[in-house]
Protein backbone atom coordinates (compact mmCIF):
# COMPACT_ATOMS: atom_id res chain seq x y z
CA MET A 1 0.00 0.00 0.00
CA LYS A 2 2.80 2.42 0.82
CA LYS A 3 4.60 1.53 -2.39
CA SER A 4 1.55 2.38 -4.54
CA THR A 5 1.06 5.68 -2.67
CA LEU A 6 4.73 6.53 -3.26
CA ILE A 7 4.44 5.71 -6.97
CA ALA A 8 1.27 7.80 -7.25
CA ALA A 9 2.99 10.71 -5.49
CA LEU A 10 6.03 10.49 -7.79
CA PHE A 11 3.74 10.31 -10.82
CA LEU A 12 1.90 13.43 -9.63
CA ILE A 13 5.19 15.29 -9.07
CA LEU A 14 6.39 14.36 -12.57
CA VAL A 15 3.10 15.51 -14.13
CA LEU A 16 3.22 18.80 -12.23
CA ALA A 17 6.90 19.32 -13.06
CA SER A 18 6.31 18.72 -16.77
CA GLY A 19 3.39 21.15 -16.66
CA CYS A 20 5.65 23.79 -15.13
CA ALA A 21 8.19 23.32 -17.90
CA ASP A 22 5.51 24.18 -20.45
CA SER A 23 4.48 27.34 -18.59
CA THR A 24 7.28 29.42 -20.14
CA PRO A 25 5.53 32.26 -21.97
CA LYS A 26 5.37 31.71 -25.72
CA THR A 27 7.25 34.28 -27.78
CA GLU A 28 6.54 35.45 -31.27
CA THR A 29 8.96 36.93 -33.79
CA TYR A 30 8.33 40.47 -35.01
CA ILE A 31 10.31 42.31 -37.67
CA ILE A 32 10.39 46.09 -37.41
CA PRO A 33 11.40 46.86 -41.01
CA ASN A 34 14.15 49.15 -42.21
CA SER A 35 11.48 51.41 -43.73
CA TYR A 36 10.26 52.16 -40.19
CA TRP A 37 13.74 53.03 -38.89
CA GLU A 38 14.42 55.23 -41.92
CA TYR A 39 11.15 57.11 -41.35
CA ALA A 40 11.84 57.39 -37.61
CA GLY A 41 15.30 58.78 -38.28
CA SER A 42 16.97 55.94 -36.41
CA THR A 43 19.04 52.89 -37.19
CA PRO A 44 18.37 49.24 -36.41
CA GLU A 45 21.57 49.20 -34.33
CA GLY A 46 20.44 52.18 -32.27
CA ALA A 47 17.01 50.59 -31.84
CA VAL A 48 18.46 47.33 -30.53
CA GLU A 49 20.55 49.31 -28.05
CA SER A 50 17.38 51.10 -26.91
CA PHE A 51 15.54 47.81 -26.48
CA HIS A 52 18.41 46.49 -24.36
CA LYS A 53 18.03 49.52 -22.08
CA LEU A 54 14.28 48.90 -21.70
CA GLY A 55 14.77 45.50 -20.15
CA GLY A 56 12.86 42.25 -19.92
CA ASP A 57 9.40 43.75 -19.46
CA TYR A 58 9.56 44.89 -23.09
CA TYR A 59 11.39 42.21 -25.04
CA THR A 60 12.89 38.73 -24.84
CA ASP A 61 15.42 39.20 -27.63
CA ALA A 62 16.31 42.01 -30.03
CA GLN A 63 18.80 41.82 -32.86
CA VAL A 64 19.65 43.47 -36.14
CA VAL A 65 18.77 41.42 -39.21
CA SER A 66 18.91 42.33 -42.90
CA GLU A 67 15.19 43.31 -42.90
CA GLY A 68 15.51 45.62 -39.85
CA VAL A 69 15.15 44.66 -36.18
CA GLN A 70 13.97 41.23 -35.14
CA LEU A 71 12.19 41.13 -31.80
CA GLU A 72 11.16 38.10 -29.79
CA LEU A 73 8.18 39.15 -27.69
CA THR A 74 5.65 37.53 -25.44
CA GLU A 75 2.12 38.84 -25.74
CA GLU A 76 2.63 40.71 -22.46
CA GLN A 77 5.85 42.34 -23.72
CA ARG A 78 4.14 43.37 -26.95
CA ASP A 79 1.27 44.89 -24.97
CA ASN A 80 3.79 46.66 -22.71
CA LEU A 81 5.49 48.24 -25.74
CA ILE A 82 2.17 49.39 -27.20
CA ARG A 83 1.08 50.75 -23.82
CA ARG A 84 4.42 52.56 -23.42
CA ASN A 85 4.02 54.14 -26.87
CA ASN A 86 0.45 55.18 -26.05
CA GLU A 87 1.57 56.82 -22.80
CA TYR A 88 4.13 58.78 -24.80
CA HIS A 89 1.40 59.73 -27.32
CA GLU A 90 -0.67 61.09 -24.42
CA GLN A 91 2.25 63.33 -23.40
CA ILE A 92 2.66 64.58 -26.97
CA ILE A 93 -1.08 65.26 -27.26
CA ALA A 94 -1.19 67.07 -23.90
CA GLU A 95 1.63 69.35 -25.07
CA PHE A 96 -0.09 69.83 -28.45
CA LYS A 97 -3.42 70.75 -26.79
CA SER A 98 -1.67 73.20 -24.47
CA TYR A 99 -1.28 75.60 -27.41
CA SER A 100 -5.04 76.07 -27.82
CA ASP A 101 -8.29 74.75 -26.39
CA ASP A 102 -9.44 74.36 -30.01
CA TYR A 103 -6.74 71.80 -30.85
CA ARG A 104 -7.79 68.19 -30.73
CA TYR A 105 -6.80 64.68 -31.67
CA GLU A 106 -8.95 61.71 -32.61
CA PRO A 107 -7.30 58.42 -31.66
CA ASP A 108 -7.53 55.36 -33.89
CA GLU A 109 -7.28 51.98 -32.18
CA THR A 110 -6.13 50.34 -35.42
CA TYR A 111 -3.11 52.70 -35.56
CA GLN A 112 -3.71 53.43 -39.24
CA THR A 113 -4.92 57.04 -39.14
CA VAL A 114 -3.87 60.10 -37.17
CA ASN A 115 -6.49 62.87 -37.19
CA LEU A 116 -5.29 66.22 -35.87
CA TYR A 117 -7.27 69.44 -35.65
CA PHE A 118 -5.28 72.66 -35.33
CA ASP A 119 -4.61 75.91 -37.16
CA GLU A 120 -1.73 77.75 -38.78
CA LYS A 121 -0.83 79.34 -35.44
CA LEU A 122 0.64 76.11 -34.05
CA PRO A 123 4.39 76.79 -33.79
CA PRO A 124 6.34 74.92 -36.49
CA ALA A 125 8.45 72.96 -33.98
CA ALA A 126 5.30 71.76 -32.16
CA ASN A 127 3.69 70.91 -35.50
CA ILE A 128 6.64 68.82 -36.62
CA LYS A 129 7.01 67.12 -33.24
CA THR A 130 3.31 66.23 -32.99
CA VAL A 131 3.00 64.98 -36.56
CA PHE A 132 6.25 63.05 -36.58
CA MET A 133 5.98 61.48 -33.12
CA LEU A 134 2.39 60.37 -33.62
CA THR A 135 2.90 58.92 -37.09
CA SER A 136 6.06 57.06 -36.09
CA GLY A 137 4.46 55.85 -32.83
CA TYR A 138 1.36 54.71 -34.69
CA GLY A 139 3.59 52.94 -37.21
CA MET A 140 5.36 50.99 -34.47
CA ASN A 141 2.09 50.08 -32.77
CA TYR A 142 0.54 48.98 -36.08
CA ILE A 143 3.52 46.72 -36.78
CA LEU A 144 3.36 45.22 -33.28
CA GLN A 145 -0.42 44.85 -33.21
CA ASN A 146 -0.58 43.14 -36.60
CA ASN A 147 2.86 41.50 -36.76
CA THR A 148 3.49 42.82 -40.24
CA THR A 149 6.32 44.62 -41.98
CA ASP A 150 3.83 46.30 -44.34
CA TRP A 151 2.94 49.45 -42.44
CA ASN A 152 1.29 52.67 -43.47
CA VAL A 153 -0.09 55.53 -41.38
CA GLU A 154 -2.38 58.14 -42.87
CA LEU A 155 -2.13 61.59 -41.34
CA CYS A 156 -5.05 63.96 -41.75
CA VAL A 157 -4.72 67.56 -40.60
CA TYR A 158 -7.94 69.51 -40.28
CA ASN A 159 -8.54 73.19 -39.64
CA CYS A 160 -9.80 73.22 -36.04
CA HIS A 161 -12.12 76.18 -36.79
CA THR A 162 -13.79 74.90 -39.97
CA ASN A 163 -13.15 71.12 -39.76
CA LYS A 164 -11.94 71.26 -43.37
CA LEU A 165 -9.10 69.00 -44.47
CA VAL A 166 -5.84 70.90 -44.87
CA LEU A 167 -3.42 68.06 -45.51
CA SER A 168 -3.47 64.30 -45.93
CA PHE A 169 -0.49 62.06 -46.51
CA ASN A 170 0.65 58.49 -45.96
CA ALA A 171 3.78 57.70 -43.99
CA PRO A 172 6.30 56.43 -44.86
CA SER A 173 5.71 56.70 -48.62
CA GLU A 174 4.76 60.38 -48.85
CA GLU A 175 6.12 63.58 -47.36
CA ALA A 176 3.99 66.14 -45.58
CA SER A 177 4.00 69.68 -46.85
CA CYS A 178 1.57 72.43 -46.04
CA GLY A 179 1.80 76.16 -46.52
CA PRO A 180 -0.23 79.37 -46.41
CA GLU A 181 -2.27 78.46 -49.53
CA GLU A 182 -3.58 75.24 -47.97
CA TRP A 183 -4.51 77.06 -44.76
CA ARG A 184 -6.27 79.87 -46.68
CA ALA A 185 -8.23 77.29 -48.67
CA SER A 186 -9.33 75.60 -45.46
CA TYR A 187 -11.11 78.82 -44.38
CA SER A 188 -12.96 79.39 -47.66
CA GLU A 189 -16.54 78.30 -48.22
């Protein structure tokens, strides 16, 4: 009787131990393509160095490959990166909105479109920072959310007083350019 109890106990320990071995979080491979790093004004090498500084809550492995940066991420790490980017977006938007109560931003949970409402009075440095940081952040989140190297973020700038479209472009394939003529047109009937 004691021998069968001992065997049953050993069997239970082996089953539990093998279950624990399988509890290692599953990772998935993500490629952040060179087109993203070129748009973001960074290099894959610099990005890998930045990932190393972030630590284990944000990645399992990061290395430069010919296509860009290869990341090994658990679902939790991927979600942490997206959440970190979104927190940074909130800071950018708070700064953007501090220029005028009329300025606004419409978030897109798919990370494919950035809709900004402002006017020609937004200082150029704030304009560039807001547009660039949101489109590049959305690009990263889109890549992570969909595990794709084919990314595209549409930026739409609207006149905050008339709600008319001033500028629309797709990153990374197009460049944004907007001048006095586009702003004047956004005020006309």
